[in-house]
Amino acid sequence: MPSHHVGLLDGGWRGLPFAPFRHGVEICQLRAADPAVALLRYAPGAAVPRHAHTGLETILVLEGVQSDERGHYPAGTLVLNPAGTEHSVWSEGGCVVLIQWERPVRFLDEEDDL
């Protein structure tokens, strides 16, 4: 079923329902099937541990700054993490990102996958 979400760049995500995802990170599932699409909201200082991408991950930073080992990505940045890449993610001041996973990620230090 097609869906649309208006005003995400202008904070329209604020009225959407978020649920706990990982410590300090909340998720709003926009599409659960592969490819999965969601909003992730990071509290200040929150992080996602090192993981490997089994498919393309696309991230659009909507608010704040998201960081990984390669750099810091302010609002408006599009990040593409192809299959085979690895990283951990954090946000010092908190952020909100629109994320699309072509296939689930594999956490390198844990049993659970996304």
Protein backbone atom coordinates (compact mmCIF):
# COMPACT_ATOMS: atom_id res chain seq x y z
CA MET A 1 0.00 0.00 0.00
CA PRO A 2 1.46 3.41 -0.88
CA SER A 3 1.87 5.90 1.95
CA HIS A 4 3.13 9.44 2.31
CA HIS A 5 4.53 11.54 5.15
CA VAL A 6 4.31 15.29 4.75
CA GLY A 7 6.65 17.86 6.30
CA LEU A 8 9.42 15.59 7.58
CA LEU A 9 12.06 18.20 6.75
CA ASP A 10 10.14 20.78 8.78
CA GLY A 11 9.72 18.64 11.92
CA GLY A 12 6.55 16.86 10.80
CA TRP A 13 7.98 13.69 12.39
CA ARG A 14 7.38 15.14 15.88
CA GLY A 15 3.74 14.00 15.88
CA LEU A 16 4.53 10.42 14.82
CA PRO A 17 4.58 7.52 17.31
CA PHE A 18 8.04 6.37 18.40
CA ALA A 19 8.86 3.23 20.39
CA PRO A 20 12.02 2.09 22.20
CA PHE A 21 14.61 0.61 19.82
CA ARG A 22 17.99 0.51 21.57
CA HIS A 23 19.23 2.31 24.67
CA GLY A 24 18.74 6.03 23.94
CA VAL A 25 17.33 5.43 20.44
CA GLU A 26 13.65 5.36 19.48
CA ILE A 27 12.09 4.13 16.23
CA CYS A 28 9.05 5.06 14.18
CA GLN A 29 8.49 2.27 11.64
CA LEU A 30 7.25 3.68 8.33
CA ARG A 31 7.63 0.38 6.44
CA ALA A 32 8.51 -2.92 8.12
CA ALA A 33 9.06 -5.05 4.99
CA ASP A 34 12.34 -5.19 3.07
CA PRO A 35 13.33 -2.58 2.31
CA ALA A 36 12.51 -1.32 5.80
CA VAL A 37 12.03 2.43 6.25
CA ALA A 38 11.94 4.18 9.61
CA LEU A 39 12.71 7.30 11.57
CA LEU A 40 15.31 6.95 14.32
CA ARG A 41 15.46 9.52 17.12
CA TYR A 42 18.74 9.54 19.08
CA ALA A 43 18.88 11.09 22.55
CA PRO A 44 22.03 13.13 23.25
CA GLY A 45 24.94 10.72 23.66
CA ALA A 46 23.06 7.69 22.27
CA ALA A 47 24.83 5.16 20.07
CA VAL A 48 24.24 2.05 17.95
CA PRO A 49 27.06 -0.53 18.19
CA ARG A 50 29.27 -1.63 15.32
CA HIS A 51 27.35 -3.48 12.62
CA ALA A 52 27.81 -4.78 9.08
CA HIS A 53 25.52 -3.90 6.20
CA THR A 54 24.13 -6.84 4.22
CA GLY A 55 22.43 -4.43 1.80
CA LEU A 56 22.41 -0.72 1.09
CA GLU A 57 21.57 1.53 4.04
CA THR A 58 20.40 5.05 3.15
CA ILE A 59 20.26 7.76 5.82
CA LEU A 60 18.94 11.32 5.55
CA VAL A 61 19.70 13.41 8.63
CA LEU A 62 16.59 15.48 9.40
CA GLU A 63 17.72 17.22 12.59
CA GLY A 64 20.89 17.38 14.68
CA VAL A 65 24.16 15.63 13.82
CA GLN A 66 24.77 11.91 13.38
CA SER A 67 28.34 10.59 13.51
CA ASP A 68 30.32 7.47 12.66
CA GLU A 69 34.00 6.62 12.30
CA ARG A 70 34.15 8.45 8.95
CA GLY A 71 32.71 11.79 10.05
CA HIS A 72 29.91 13.98 11.36
CA TYR A 73 26.73 14.47 9.33
CA PRO A 74 24.55 17.53 10.03
CA ALA A 75 20.91 17.98 9.03
CA GLY A 76 20.47 17.71 5.28
CA THR A 77 23.25 15.14 4.81
CA LEU A 78 22.54 12.00 2.79
CA VAL A 79 24.68 9.01 3.87
CA LEU A 80 24.93 5.83 1.75
CA ASN A 81 26.41 2.74 3.39
CA PRO A 82 26.71 -0.04 0.76
CA ALA A 83 26.59 -3.77 1.46
CA GLY A 84 29.84 -4.97 3.00
CA THR A 85 30.56 -1.78 4.94
CA GLU A 86 30.76 -1.61 8.75
CA HIS A 87 30.44 1.19 11.27
CA SER A 88 29.06 2.25 14.63
CA VAL A 89 26.81 5.30 14.93
CA TRP A 90 26.33 7.95 17.63
CA SER A 91 24.99 11.42 18.19
CA GLU A 92 26.60 13.71 20.75
CA GLY A 93 23.75 16.23 20.78
CA GLY A 94 20.90 14.01 19.59
CA CYS A 95 19.45 13.71 16.10
CA VAL A 96 16.59 12.41 13.97
CA VAL A 97 17.25 10.46 10.79
CA LEU A 98 15.19 8.90 8.04
CA ILE A 99 16.70 5.48 7.38
CA GLN A 100 16.15 2.77 4.79
CA TRP A 101 17.62 -0.73 5.09
CA GLU A 102 17.66 -2.76 1.90
CA ARG A 103 18.37 -5.83 4.07
CA PRO A 104 18.84 -6.29 7.83
CA VAL A 105 22.15 -5.32 9.40
CA ARG A 106 24.29 -7.77 11.37
CA PHE A 107 25.61 -6.60 14.72
CA LEU A 108 29.22 -7.63 15.19
CA ASP A 109 29.29 -7.83 19.00
CA GLU A 110 25.71 -8.97 19.66
CA GLU A 111 23.24 -11.68 18.73
CA ASP A 112 20.36 -9.42 17.60
CA ASP A 113 20.13 -8.01 14.10
CA LEU A 114 18.04 -5.21 12.55
